[in-house]
Amino acid sequence: MPSEKELYKIGEVCRLADVQPYVLRYWETEFPPLAPNKSGGGQRLYTRREIDIILRIKQLLYSEGFTIAGAKKKLEMEMAAPPVPQPAAAPASRHDLTAVKNELRAILELLS
């Protein structure tokens, strides 16, 4: 994933997010937090934060089935909410990983 200091052109971001440039340009009109800077030549330049927002928008729309309006509201709520402190992660045991693997296989079989 891109580092915080780097800027990425629209083509690079499209490959990372697996969406077309016109989709990103449309999302820019619908989601105010998505506002890439432009180079002197007008090329859109995206930061790591904007790429994270793009990936979240894609997840909301394509994976979770939100409409544009619903995704906009959800994203606004997520960005306004204070970060939830995460408990320290305990190392996963081999048993835990095997159980997760078996559950994922069962889900995959259901979807097939």
PDB file of N, CA and C in Angstrom:
ATOM      1  N   MET A   1       0.861  -1.181   0.000  1.00  0.00           N
ATOM      2  CA  MET A   1       0.000   0.000   0.000  1.00  0.00           C
ATOM      3  C   MET A   1       0.897   1.230   0.000  1.00  0.00           C
ATOM      4  N   PRO A   2       0.445   2.315  -0.570  1.00  0.00           N
ATOM      5  CA  PRO A   2       1.261   3.528  -0.650  1.00  0.00           C
ATOM      6  C   PRO A   2       1.625   4.080   0.719  1.00  0.00           C
ATOM      7  N   SER A   3       2.776   4.740   0.788  1.00  0.00           N
ATOM      8  CA  SER A   3       3.160   5.374   2.045  1.00  0.00           C
ATOM      9  C   SER A   3       2.462   6.728   2.159  1.00  0.00           C
ATOM     10  N   GLU A   4       2.482   7.298   3.363  1.00  0.00           N
ATOM     11  CA  GLU A   4       1.754   8.543   3.644  1.00  0.00           C
ATOM     12  C   GLU A   4       2.272   9.719   2.826  1.00  0.00           C
ATOM     13  N   LYS A   5       3.569   9.761   2.540  1.00  0.00           N
ATOM     14  CA  LYS A   5       4.153  10.929   1.891  1.00  0.00           C
ATOM     15  C   LYS A   5       4.019  10.896   0.369  1.00  0.00           C
ATOM     16  N   GLU A   6       3.736   9.751  -0.192  1.00  0.00           N
ATOM     17  CA  GLU A   6       3.699   9.627  -1.643  1.00  0.00           C
ATOM     18  C   GLU A   6       2.351  10.059  -2.214  1.00  0.00           C
ATOM     19  N   LEU A   7       2.405  10.521  -3.446  1.00  0.00           N
ATOM     20  CA  LEU A   7       1.194  10.876  -4.182  1.00  0.00           C
ATOM     21  C   LEU A   7       1.067   9.938  -5.372  1.00  0.00           C
ATOM     22  N   TYR A   8      -0.152   9.576  -5.692  1.00  0.00           N
ATOM     23  CA  TYR A   8      -0.396   8.617  -6.754  1.00  0.00           C
ATOM     24  C   TYR A   8      -1.340   9.190  -7.797  1.00  0.00           C
ATOM     25  N   LYS A   9      -1.020   8.911  -9.049  1.00  0.00           N
ATOM     26  CA  LYS A   9      -1.845   9.370 -10.161  1.00  0.00           C
ATOM     27  C   LYS A   9      -3.097   8.503 -10.267  1.00  0.00           C
ATOM     28  N   ILE A  10      -4.078   9.021 -10.979  1.00  0.00           N
ATOM     29  CA  ILE A  10      -5.376   8.345 -11.071  1.00  0.00           C
ATOM     30  C   ILE A  10      -5.245   6.929 -11.639  1.00  0.00           C
ATOM     31  N   GLY A  11      -4.365   6.733 -12.608  1.00  0.00           N
ATOM     32  CA  GLY A  11      -4.189   5.394 -13.176  1.00  0.00           C
ATOM     33  C   GLY A  11      -3.680   4.396 -12.155  1.00  0.00           C
ATOM     34  N   GLU A  12      -2.752   4.836 -11.310  1.00  0.00           N
ATOM     35  CA  GLU A  12      -2.222   3.963 -10.264  1.00  0.00           C
ATOM     36  C   GLU A  12      -3.300   3.628  -9.234  1.00  0.00           C
ATOM     37  N   VAL A  13      -4.091   4.616  -8.878  1.00  0.00           N
ATOM     38  CA  VAL A  13      -5.152   4.404  -7.901  1.00  0.00           C
ATOM     39  C   VAL A  13      -6.225   3.482  -8.488  1.00  0.00           C
ATOM     40  N   CYS A  14      -6.511   3.642  -9.760  1.00  0.00           N
ATOM     41  CA  CYS A  14      -7.493   2.774 -10.420  1.00  0.00           C
ATOM     42  C   CYS A  14      -7.035   1.312 -10.369  1.00  0.00           C
ATOM     43  N   ARG A  15      -5.744   1.088 -10.595  1.00  0.00           N
ATOM     44  CA  ARG A  15      -5.230  -0.284 -10.522  1.00  0.00           C
ATOM     45  C   ARG A  15      -5.311  -0.809  -9.086  1.00  0.00           C
ATOM     46  N   LEU A  16      -4.955   0.014  -8.113  1.00  0.00           N
ATOM     47  CA  LEU A  16      -5.023  -0.412  -6.706  1.00  0.00           C
ATOM     48  C   LEU A  16      -6.442  -0.761  -6.290  1.00  0.00           C
ATOM     49  N   ALA A  17      -7.385   0.081  -6.665  1.00  0.00           N
ATOM     50  CA  ALA A  17      -8.780  -0.095  -6.244  1.00  0.00           C
ATOM     51  C   ALA A  17      -9.588  -0.952  -7.217  1.00  0.00           C
ATOM     52  N   ASP A  18      -9.028  -1.227  -8.380  1.00  0.00           N
ATOM     53  CA  ASP A  18      -9.719  -1.998  -9.416  1.00  0.00           C
ATOM     54  C   ASP A  18     -11.049  -1.345  -9.806  1.00  0.00           C
ATOM     55  N   VAL A  19     -10.970  -0.044 -10.114  1.00  0.00           N
ATOM     56  CA  VAL A  19     -12.116   0.702 -10.644  1.00  0.00           C
ATOM     57  C   VAL A  19     -11.641   1.551 -11.813  1.00  0.00           C
ATOM     58  N   GLN A  20     -12.570   1.999 -12.634  1.00  0.00           N
ATOM     59  CA  GLN A  20     -12.253   2.823 -13.793  1.00  0.00           C
ATOM     60  C   GLN A  20     -12.084   4.291 -13.386  1.00  0.00           C
ATOM     61  N   PRO A  21     -11.304   5.065 -14.152  1.00  0.00           N
ATOM     62  CA  PRO A  21     -11.110   6.482 -13.817  1.00  0.00           C
ATOM     63  C   PRO A  21     -12.418   7.274 -13.725  1.00  0.00           C
ATOM     64  N   TYR A  22     -13.382   6.985 -14.591  1.00  0.00           N
ATOM     65  CA  TYR A  22     -14.634   7.734 -14.538  1.00  0.00           C
ATOM     66  C   TYR A  22     -15.378   7.471 -13.234  1.00  0.00           C
ATOM     67  N   VAL A  23     -15.183   6.276 -12.656  1.00  0.00           N
ATOM     68  CA  VAL A  23     -15.808   5.955 -11.379  1.00  0.00           C
ATOM     69  C   VAL A  23     -15.207   6.834 -10.283  1.00  0.00           C
ATOM     70  N   LEU A  24     -13.882   6.945 -10.260  1.00  0.00           N
ATOM     71  CA  LEU A  24     -13.226   7.800  -9.268  1.00  0.00           C
ATOM     72  C   LEU A  24     -13.655   9.249  -9.426  1.00  0.00           C
ATOM     73  N   ARG A  25     -13.727   9.722 -10.650  1.00  0.00           N
ATOM     74  CA  ARG A  25     -14.133  11.121 -10.870  1.00  0.00           C
ATOM     75  C   ARG A  25     -15.570  11.343 -10.388  1.00  0.00           C
ATOM     76  N   TYR A  26     -16.438  10.361 -10.605  1.00  0.00           N
ATOM     77  CA  TYR A  26     -17.816  10.476 -10.124  1.00  0.00           C
ATOM     78  C   TYR A  26     -17.846  10.471  -8.595  1.00  0.00           C
ATOM     79  N   TRP A  27     -17.101   9.562  -7.991  1.00  0.00           N
ATOM     80  CA  TRP A  27     -17.075   9.498  -6.532  1.00  0.00           C
ATOM     81  C   TRP A  27     -16.586  10.818  -5.937  1.00  0.00           C
ATOM     82  N   GLU A  28     -15.670  11.478  -6.607  1.00  0.00           N
ATOM     83  CA  GLU A  28     -15.184  12.776  -6.127  1.00  0.00           C
ATOM     84  C   GLU A  28     -16.325  13.795  -6.046  1.00  0.00           C
ATOM     85  N   THR A  29     -17.298  13.688  -6.939  1.00  0.00           N
ATOM     86  CA  THR A  29     -18.428  14.625  -6.922  1.00  0.00           C
ATOM     87  C   THR A  29     -19.428  14.279  -5.816  1.00  0.00           C
ATOM     88  N   GLU A  30     -19.461  13.024  -5.393  1.00  0.00           N
ATOM     89  CA  GLU A  30     -20.447  12.560  -4.415  1.00  0.00           C
ATOM     90  C   GLU A  30     -19.919  12.504  -2.986  1.00  0.00           C
ATOM     91  N   PHE A  31     -18.627  12.330  -2.812  1.00  0.00           N
ATOM     92  CA  PHE A  31     -18.042  12.151  -1.488  1.00  0.00           C
ATOM     93  C   PHE A  31     -17.049  13.275  -1.216  1.00  0.00           C
ATOM     94  N   PRO A  32     -17.470  14.311  -0.481  1.00  0.00           N
ATOM     95  CA  PRO A  32     -16.606  15.472  -0.229  1.00  0.00           C
ATOM     96  C   PRO A  32     -15.230  15.156   0.367  1.00  0.00           C
ATOM     97  N   PRO A  33     -15.081  14.126   1.235  1.00  0.00           N
ATOM     98  CA  PRO A  33     -13.737  13.857   1.759  1.00  0.00           C
ATOM     99  C   PRO A  33     -12.745  13.414   0.679  1.00  0.00           C
ATOM    100  N   LEU A  34     -13.270  13.024  -0.450  1.00  0.00           N
ATOM    101  CA  LEU A  34     -12.428  12.575  -1.553  1.00  0.00           C
ATOM    102  C   LEU A  34     -12.156  13.771  -2.465  1.00  0.00           C
ATOM    103  N   ALA A  35     -11.047  14.444  -2.203  1.00  0.00           N
ATOM    104  CA  ALA A  35     -10.721  15.657  -2.956  1.00  0.00           C
ATOM    105  C   ALA A  35      -9.222  15.681  -3.253  1.00  0.00           C
ATOM    106  N   PRO A  36      -8.781  14.937  -4.275  1.00  0.00           N
ATOM    107  CA  PRO A  36      -7.350  14.893  -4.557  1.00  0.00           C
ATOM    108  C   PRO A  36      -6.829  16.245  -5.048  1.00  0.00           C
ATOM    109  N   ASN A  37      -5.568  16.503  -4.738  1.00  0.00           N
ATOM    110  CA  ASN A  37      -4.913  17.692  -5.286  1.00  0.00           C
ATOM    111  C   ASN A  37      -4.672  17.465  -6.762  1.00  0.00           C
ATOM    112  N   LYS A  38      -4.422  18.534  -7.466  1.00  0.00           N
ATOM    113  CA  LYS A  38      -4.100  18.404  -8.885  1.00  0.00           C
ATOM    114  C   LYS A  38      -2.725  18.992  -9.126  1.00  0.00           C
ATOM    115  N   SER A  39      -1.976  18.341 -10.006  1.00  0.00           N
ATOM    116  CA  SER A  39      -0.648  18.831 -10.362  1.00  0.00           C
ATOM    117  C   SER A  39      -0.804  20.056 -11.259  1.00  0.00           C
ATOM    118  N   GLY A  40       0.301  20.684 -11.567  1.00  0.00           N
ATOM    119  CA  GLY A  40       0.264  21.846 -12.450  1.00  0.00           C
ATOM    120  C   GLY A  40      -0.389  21.542 -13.786  1.00  0.00           C
ATOM    121  N   GLY A  41      -0.255  20.301 -14.246  1.00  0.00           N
ATOM    122  CA  GLY A  41      -0.858  19.900 -15.517  1.00  0.00           C
ATOM    123  C   GLY A  41      -2.273  19.388 -15.380  1.00  0.00           C
ATOM    124  N   GLY A  42      -2.858  19.469 -14.184  1.00  0.00           N
ATOM    125  CA  GLY A  42      -4.239  19.037 -13.995  1.00  0.00           C
ATOM    126  C   GLY A  42      -4.390  17.570 -13.639  1.00  0.00           C
ATOM    127  N   GLN A  43      -3.283  16.836 -13.472  1.00  0.00           N
ATOM    128  CA  GLN A  43      -3.334  15.412 -13.113  1.00  0.00           C
ATOM    129  C   GLN A  43      -3.753  15.264 -11.645  1.00  0.00           C
ATOM    130  N   ARG A  44      -4.738  14.409 -11.392  1.00  0.00           N
ATOM    131  CA  ARG A  44      -5.173  14.157 -10.016  1.00  0.00           C
ATOM    132  C   ARG A  44      -4.074  13.411  -9.272  1.00  0.00           C
ATOM    133  N   LEU A  45      -3.802  13.851  -8.033  1.00  0.00           N
ATOM    134  CA  LEU A  45      -2.784  13.222  -7.197  1.00  0.00           C
ATOM    135  C   LEU A  45      -3.428  12.826  -5.870  1.00  0.00           C
ATOM    136  N   TYR A  46      -3.432  11.530  -5.593  1.00  0.00           N
ATOM    137  CA  TYR A  46      -4.110  10.986  -4.422  1.00  0.00           C
ATOM    138  C   TYR A  46      -3.109  10.636  -3.325  1.00  0.00           C
ATOM    139  N   THR A  47      -3.509  10.895  -2.070  1.00  0.00           N
ATOM    140  CA  THR A  47      -2.707  10.536  -0.907  1.00  0.00           C
ATOM    141  C   THR A  47      -3.146   9.166  -0.393  1.00  0.00           C
ATOM    142  N   ARG A  48      -2.405   8.643   0.564  1.00  0.00           N
ATOM    143  CA  ARG A  48      -2.744   7.364   1.200  1.00  0.00           C
ATOM    144  C   ARG A  48      -4.146   7.457   1.824  1.00  0.00           C
ATOM    145  N   ARG A  49      -4.434   8.556   2.495  1.00  0.00           N
ATOM    146  CA  ARG A  49      -5.745   8.734   3.140  1.00  0.00           C
ATOM    147  C   ARG A  49      -6.865   8.667   2.105  1.00  0.00           C
ATOM    148  N   GLU A  50      -6.679   9.313   0.966  1.00  0.00           N
ATOM    149  CA  GLU A  50      -7.711   9.290  -0.087  1.00  0.00           C
ATOM    150  C   GLU A  50      -7.866   7.887  -0.672  1.00  0.00           C
ATOM    151  N   ILE A  51      -6.760   7.166  -0.793  1.00  0.00           N
ATOM    152  CA  ILE A  51      -6.849   5.787  -1.288  1.00  0.00           C
ATOM    153  C   ILE A  51      -7.630   4.931  -0.294  1.00  0.00           C
ATOM    154  N   ASP A  52      -7.392   5.132   1.000  1.00  0.00           N
ATOM    155  CA  ASP A  52      -8.152   4.405   2.021  1.00  0.00           C
ATOM    156  C   ASP A  52      -9.643   4.721   1.911  1.00  0.00           C
ATOM    157  N   ILE A  53      -9.967   5.990   1.671  1.00  0.00           N
ATOM    158  CA  ILE A  53     -11.375   6.394   1.513  1.00  0.00           C
ATOM    159  C   ILE A  53     -11.972   5.728   0.279  1.00  0.00           C
ATOM    160  N   ILE A  54     -11.235   5.699  -0.813  1.00  0.00           N
ATOM    161  CA  ILE A  54     -11.711   5.064  -2.048  1.00  0.00           C
ATOM    162  C   ILE A  54     -11.998   3.590  -1.807  1.00  0.00           C
ATOM    163  N   LEU A  55     -11.084   2.914  -1.127  1.00  0.00           N
ATOM    164  CA  LEU A  55     -11.284   1.489  -0.855  1.00  0.00           C
ATOM    165  C   LEU A  55     -12.501   1.263   0.048  1.00  0.00           C
ATOM    166  N   ARG A  56     -12.742   2.172   0.991  1.00  0.00           N
ATOM    167  CA  ARG A  56     -13.914   2.051   1.865  1.00  0.00           C
ATOM    168  C   ARG A  56     -15.196   2.312   1.082  1.00  0.00           C
ATOM    169  N   ILE A  57     -15.177   3.307   0.200  1.00  0.00           N
ATOM    170  CA  ILE A  57     -16.348   3.594  -0.640  1.00  0.00           C
ATOM    171  C   ILE A  57     -16.675   2.375  -1.496  1.00  0.00           C
ATOM    172  N   LYS A  58     -15.653   1.794  -2.096  1.00  0.00           N
ATOM    173  CA  LYS A  58     -15.863   0.613  -2.937  1.00  0.00           C
ATOM    174  C   LYS A  58     -16.469  -0.525  -2.116  1.00  0.00           C
ATOM    175  N   GLN A  59     -15.957  -0.733  -0.905  1.00  0.00           N
ATOM    176  CA  GLN A  59     -16.490  -1.780  -0.046  1.00  0.00           C
ATOM    177  C   GLN A  59     -17.958  -1.521   0.290  1.00  0.00           C
ATOM    178  N   LEU A  60     -18.265  -0.278   0.646  1.00  0.00           N
ATOM    179  CA  LEU A  60     -19.653   0.054   0.994  1.00  0.00           C
ATOM    180  C   LEU A  60     -20.590  -0.170  -0.185  1.00  0.00           C
ATOM    181  N   LEU A  61     -20.178   0.254  -1.367  1.00  0.00           N
ATOM    182  CA  LEU A  61     -21.048   0.164  -2.542  1.00  0.00           C
ATOM    183  C   LEU A  61     -21.122  -1.248  -3.108  1.00  0.00           C
ATOM    184  N   TYR A  62     -19.977  -1.882  -3.295  1.00  0.00           N
ATOM    185  CA  TYR A  62     -19.951  -3.150  -4.026  1.00  0.00           C
ATOM    186  C   TYR A  62     -20.109  -4.368  -3.123  1.00  0.00           C
ATOM    187  N   SER A  63     -19.520  -4.341  -1.932  1.00  0.00           N
ATOM    188  CA  SER A  63     -19.583  -5.513  -1.062  1.00  0.00           C
ATOM    189  C   SER A  63     -20.756  -5.464  -0.094  1.00  0.00           C
ATOM    190  N   GLU A  64     -21.015  -4.277   0.468  1.00  0.00           N
ATOM    191  CA  GLU A  64     -22.058  -4.175   1.477  1.00  0.00           C
ATOM    192  C   GLU A  64     -23.403  -3.733   0.907  1.00  0.00           C
ATOM    193  N   GLY A  65     -23.453  -3.377  -0.377  1.00  0.00           N
ATOM    194  CA  GLY A  65     -24.713  -3.095  -1.045  1.00  0.00           C
ATOM    195  C   GLY A  65     -25.351  -1.751  -0.739  1.00  0.00           C
ATOM    196  N   PHE A  66     -24.575  -0.792  -0.248  1.00  0.00           N
ATOM    197  CA  PHE A  66     -25.128   0.531   0.031  1.00  0.00           C
ATOM    198  C   PHE A  66     -25.406   1.276  -1.277  1.00  0.00           C
ATOM    199  N   THR A  67     -26.383   2.168  -1.243  1.00  0.00           N
ATOM    200  CA  THR A  67     -26.577   3.113  -2.341  1.00  0.00           C
ATOM    201  C   THR A  67     -25.539   4.221  -2.164  1.00  0.00           C
ATOM    202  N   ILE A  68     -25.424   5.098  -3.156  1.00  0.00           N
ATOM    203  CA  ILE A  68     -24.505   6.237  -3.031  1.00  0.00           C
ATOM    204  C   ILE A  68     -24.885   7.068  -1.805  1.00  0.00           C
ATOM    205  N   ALA A  69     -26.174   7.369  -1.651  1.00  0.00           N
ATOM    206  CA  ALA A  69     -26.625   8.176  -0.517  1.00  0.00           C
ATOM    207  C   ALA A  69     -26.330   7.475   0.809  1.00  0.00           C
ATOM    208  N   GLY A  70     -26.600   6.189   0.872  1.00  0.00           N
ATOM    209  CA  GLY A  70     -26.347   5.430   2.094  1.00  0.00           C
ATOM    210  C   GLY A  70     -24.859   5.350   2.411  1.00  0.00           C
ATOM    211  N   ALA A  71     -24.051   5.132   1.378  1.00  0.00           N
ATOM    212  CA  ALA A  71     -22.604   5.059   1.575  1.00  0.00           C
ATOM    213  C   ALA A  71     -22.059   6.408   2.032  1.00  0.00           C
ATOM    214  N   LYS A  72     -22.621   7.483   1.477  1.00  0.00           N
ATOM    215  CA  LYS A  72     -22.183   8.829   1.878  1.00  0.00           C
ATOM    216  C   LYS A  72     -22.459   9.055   3.359  1.00  0.00           C
ATOM    217  N   LYS A  73     -23.667   8.695   3.817  1.00  0.00           N
ATOM    218  CA  LYS A  73     -24.021   8.863   5.226  1.00  0.00           C
ATOM    219  C   LYS A  73     -23.144   7.998   6.124  1.00  0.00           C
ATOM    220  N   LYS A  74     -22.949   6.757   5.728  1.00  0.00           N
ATOM    221  CA  LYS A  74     -22.132   5.832   6.521  1.00  0.00           C
ATOM    222  C   LYS A  74     -20.703   6.346   6.624  1.00  0.00           C
ATOM    223  N   LEU A  75     -20.139   6.793   5.514  1.00  0.00           N
ATOM    224  CA  LEU A  75     -18.767   7.309   5.509  1.00  0.00           C
ATOM    225  C   LEU A  75     -18.661   8.559   6.377  1.00  0.00           C
ATOM    226  N   GLU A  76     -19.652   9.435   6.298  1.00  0.00           N
ATOM    227  CA  GLU A  76     -19.655  10.645   7.138  1.00  0.00           C
ATOM    228  C   GLU A  76     -19.665  10.268   8.618  1.00  0.00           C
ATOM    229  N   MET A  77     -20.494   9.294   8.982  1.00  0.00           N
ATOM    230  CA  MET A  77     -20.557   8.855  10.382  1.00  0.00           C
ATOM    231  C   MET A  77     -19.226   8.246  10.823  1.00  0.00           C
ATOM    232  N   GLU A  78     -18.642   7.432   9.965  1.00  0.00           N
ATOM    233  CA  GLU A  78     -17.373   6.794  10.310  1.00  0.00           C
ATOM    234  C   GLU A  78     -16.256   7.822  10.477  1.00  0.00           C
ATOM    235  N   MET A  79     -16.249   8.818   9.616  1.00  0.00           N
ATOM    236  CA  MET A  79     -15.180   9.811   9.671  1.00  0.00           C
ATOM    237  C   MET A  79     -15.375  10.777  10.842  1.00  0.00           C
ATOM    238  N   ALA A  80     -16.625  10.949  11.306  1.00  0.00           N
ATOM    239  CA  ALA A  80     -16.901  11.853  12.418  1.00  0.00           C
ATOM    240  C   ALA A  80     -16.705  11.178  13.767  1.00  0.00           C
ATOM    241  N   ALA A  81     -16.831   9.858  13.782  1.00  0.00           N
ATOM    242  CA  ALA A  81     -16.726   9.117  15.038  1.00  0.00           C
ATOM    243  C   ALA A  81     -15.273   9.073  15.507  1.00  0.00           C
ATOM    244  N   PRO A  82     -15.067   9.214  16.831  1.00  0.00           N
ATOM    245  CA  PRO A  82     -13.705   9.074  17.340  1.00  0.00           C
ATOM    246  C   PRO A  82     -13.238   7.630  17.151  1.00  0.00           C
ATOM    247  N   PRO A  83     -11.957   7.422  16.940  1.00  0.00           N
ATOM    248  CA  PRO A  83     -11.478   6.053  16.734  1.00  0.00           C
ATOM    249  C   PRO A  83     -11.726   5.195  17.981  1.00  0.00           C
ATOM    250  N   VAL A  84     -12.127   3.977  17.737  1.00  0.00           N
ATOM    251  CA  VAL A  84     -12.393   3.043  18.823  1.00  0.00           C
ATOM    252  C   VAL A  84     -11.073   2.378  19.196  1.00  0.00           C
ATOM    253  N   PRO A  85     -10.680   2.466  20.471  1.00  0.00           N
ATOM    254  CA  PRO A  85      -9.426   1.822  20.850  1.00  0.00           C
ATOM    255  C   PRO A  85      -9.540   0.313  20.675  1.00  0.00           C
ATOM    256  N   GLN A  86      -8.531  -0.256  20.091  1.00  0.00           N
ATOM    257  CA  GLN A  86      -8.512  -1.693  19.855  1.00  0.00           C
ATOM    258  C   GLN A  86      -7.765  -2.385  20.989  1.00  0.00           C
ATOM    259  N   PRO A  87      -8.320  -3.481  21.497  1.00  0.00           N
ATOM    260  CA  PRO A  87      -7.604  -4.207  22.544  1.00  0.00           C
ATOM    261  C   PRO A  87      -6.336  -4.825  21.953  1.00  0.00           C
ATOM    262  N   ALA A  88      -5.370  -5.035  22.800  1.00  0.00           N
ATOM    263  CA  ALA A  88      -4.133  -5.670  22.342  1.00  0.00           C
ATOM    264  C   ALA A  88      -4.472  -7.057  21.822  1.00  0.00           C
ATOM    265  N   ALA A  89      -3.974  -7.354  20.657  1.00  0.00           N
ATOM    266  CA  ALA A  89      -4.282  -8.633  20.028  1.00  0.00           C
ATOM    267  C   ALA A  89      -3.459  -9.740  20.678  1.00  0.00           C
ATOM    268  N   ALA A  90      -4.183 -10.785  21.078  1.00  0.00           N
ATOM    269  CA  ALA A  90      -3.489 -11.954  21.604  1.00  0.00           C
ATOM    270  C   ALA A  90      -3.070 -12.809  20.420  1.00  0.00           C
ATOM    271  N   PRO A  91      -1.950 -13.463  20.517  1.00  0.00           N
ATOM    272  CA  PRO A  91      -1.538 -14.313  19.404  1.00  0.00           C
ATOM    273  C   PRO A  91      -2.581 -15.399  19.160  1.00  0.00           C
ATOM    274  N   ALA A  92      -2.909 -15.615  17.907  1.00  0.00           N
ATOM    275  CA  ALA A  92      -3.893 -16.636  17.554  1.00  0.00           C
ATOM    276  C   ALA A  92      -3.261 -18.006  17.705  1.00  0.00           C
ATOM    277  N   SER A  93      -4.028 -18.898  18.292  1.00  0.00           N
ATOM    278  CA  SER A  93      -3.515 -20.264  18.434  1.00  0.00           C
ATOM    279  C   SER A  93      -3.761 -21.021  17.138  1.00  0.00           C
ATOM    280  N   ARG A  94      -3.083 -22.122  16.997  1.00  0.00           N
ATOM    281  CA  ARG A  94      -3.256 -22.962  15.810  1.00  0.00           C
ATOM    282  C   ARG A  94      -4.711 -23.428  15.727  1.00  0.00           C
ATOM    283  N   HIS A  95      -5.311 -23.715  16.883  1.00  0.00           N
ATOM    284  CA  HIS A  95      -6.711 -24.150  16.927  1.00  0.00           C
ATOM    285  C   HIS A  95      -7.633 -23.040  16.403  1.00  0.00           C
ATOM    286  N   ASP A  96      -7.386 -21.802  16.828  1.00  0.00           N
ATOM    287  CA  ASP A  96      -8.201 -20.667  16.376  1.00  0.00           C
ATOM    288  C   ASP A  96      -8.109 -20.511  14.861  1.00  0.00           C
ATOM    289  N   LEU A  97      -6.904 -20.584  14.340  1.00  0.00           N
ATOM    290  CA  LEU A  97      -6.701 -20.419  12.901  1.00  0.00           C
ATOM    291  C   LEU A  97      -7.355 -21.545  12.112  1.00  0.00           C
ATOM    292  N   THR A  98      -7.281 -22.760  12.631  1.00  0.00           N
ATOM    293  CA  THR A  98      -7.916 -23.894  11.961  1.00  0.00           C
ATOM    294  C   THR A  98      -9.434 -23.710  11.940  1.00  0.00           C
ATOM    295  N   ALA A  99      -9.994 -23.230  13.052  1.00  0.00           N
ATOM    296  CA  ALA A  99     -11.444 -23.004  13.114  1.00  0.00           C
ATOM    297  C   ALA A  99     -11.870 -21.945  12.099  1.00  0.00           C
ATOM    298  N   VAL A 100     -11.119 -20.858  12.009  1.00  0.00           N
ATOM    299  CA  VAL A 100     -11.433 -19.807  11.042  1.00  0.00           C
ATOM    300  C   VAL A 100     -11.334 -20.348   9.621  1.00  0.00           C
ATOM    301  N   LYS A 101     -10.290 -21.109   9.358  1.00  0.00           N
ATOM    302  CA  LYS A 101     -10.089 -21.694   8.024  1.00  0.00           C
ATOM    303  C   LYS A 101     -11.279 -22.590   7.659  1.00  0.00           C
ATOM    304  N   ASN A 102     -11.730 -23.402   8.601  1.00  0.00           N
ATOM    305  CA  ASN A 102     -12.872 -24.296   8.343  1.00  0.00           C
ATOM    306  C   ASN A 102     -14.149 -23.507   8.097  1.00  0.00           C
ATOM    307  N   GLU A 103     -14.356 -22.432   8.851  1.00  0.00           N
ATOM    308  CA  GLU A 103     -15.532 -21.588   8.638  1.00  0.00           C
ATOM    309  C   GLU A 103     -15.506 -20.926   7.265  1.00  0.00           C
ATOM    310  N   LEU A 104     -14.339 -20.461   6.868  1.00  0.00           N
ATOM    311  CA  LEU A 104     -14.216 -19.833   5.549  1.00  0.00           C
ATOM    312  C   LEU A 104     -14.475 -20.843   4.432  1.00  0.00           C
ATOM    313  N   ARG A 105     -13.993 -22.061   4.609  1.00  0.00           N
ATOM    314  CA  ARG A 105     -14.260 -23.112   3.608  1.00  0.00           C
ATOM    315  C   ARG A 105     -15.760 -23.389   3.504  1.00  0.00           C
ATOM    316  N   ALA A 106     -16.437 -23.449   4.655  1.00  0.00           N
ATOM    317  CA  ALA A 106     -17.882 -23.694   4.653  1.00  0.00           C
ATOM    318  C   ALA A 106     -18.628 -22.565   3.941  1.00  0.00           C
ATOM    319  N   ILE A 107     -18.216 -21.332   4.183  1.00  0.00           N
ATOM    320  CA  ILE A 107     -18.848 -20.188   3.505  1.00  0.00           C
ATOM    321  C   ILE A 107     -18.600 -20.259   2.009  1.00  0.00           C
ATOM    322  N   LEU A 108     -17.376 -20.608   1.625  1.00  0.00           N
ATOM    323  CA  LEU A 108     -17.041 -20.733   0.207  1.00  0.00           C
ATOM    324  C   LEU A 108     -17.893 -21.806  -0.468  1.00  0.00           C
ATOM    325  N   GLU A 109     -18.123 -22.920   0.224  1.00  0.00           N
ATOM    326  CA  GLU A 109     -18.966 -23.973  -0.341  1.00  0.00           C
ATOM    327  C   GLU A 109     -20.401 -23.493  -0.512  1.00  0.00           C
ATOM    328  N   LEU A 110     -20.898 -22.716   0.440  1.00  0.00           N
ATOM    329  CA  LEU A 110     -22.253 -22.183   0.328  1.00  0.00           C
ATOM    330  C   LEU A 110     -22.382 -21.247  -0.867  1.00  0.00           C
ATOM    331  N   LEU A 111     -21.324 -20.478  -1.118  1.00  0.00           N
ATOM    332  CA  LEU A 111     -21.366 -19.514  -2.211  1.00  0.00           C
ATOM    333  C   LEU A 111     -21.156 -20.166  -3.571  1.00  0.00           C
ATOM    334  N   SER A 112     -20.578 -21.345  -3.588  1.00  0.00           N
ATOM    335  CA  SER A 112     -20.299 -22.022  -4.869  1.00  0.00           C
ATOM    336  C   SER A 112     -21.537 -22.646  -5.459  1.00  0.00           C
TER     337      SER A 112
END
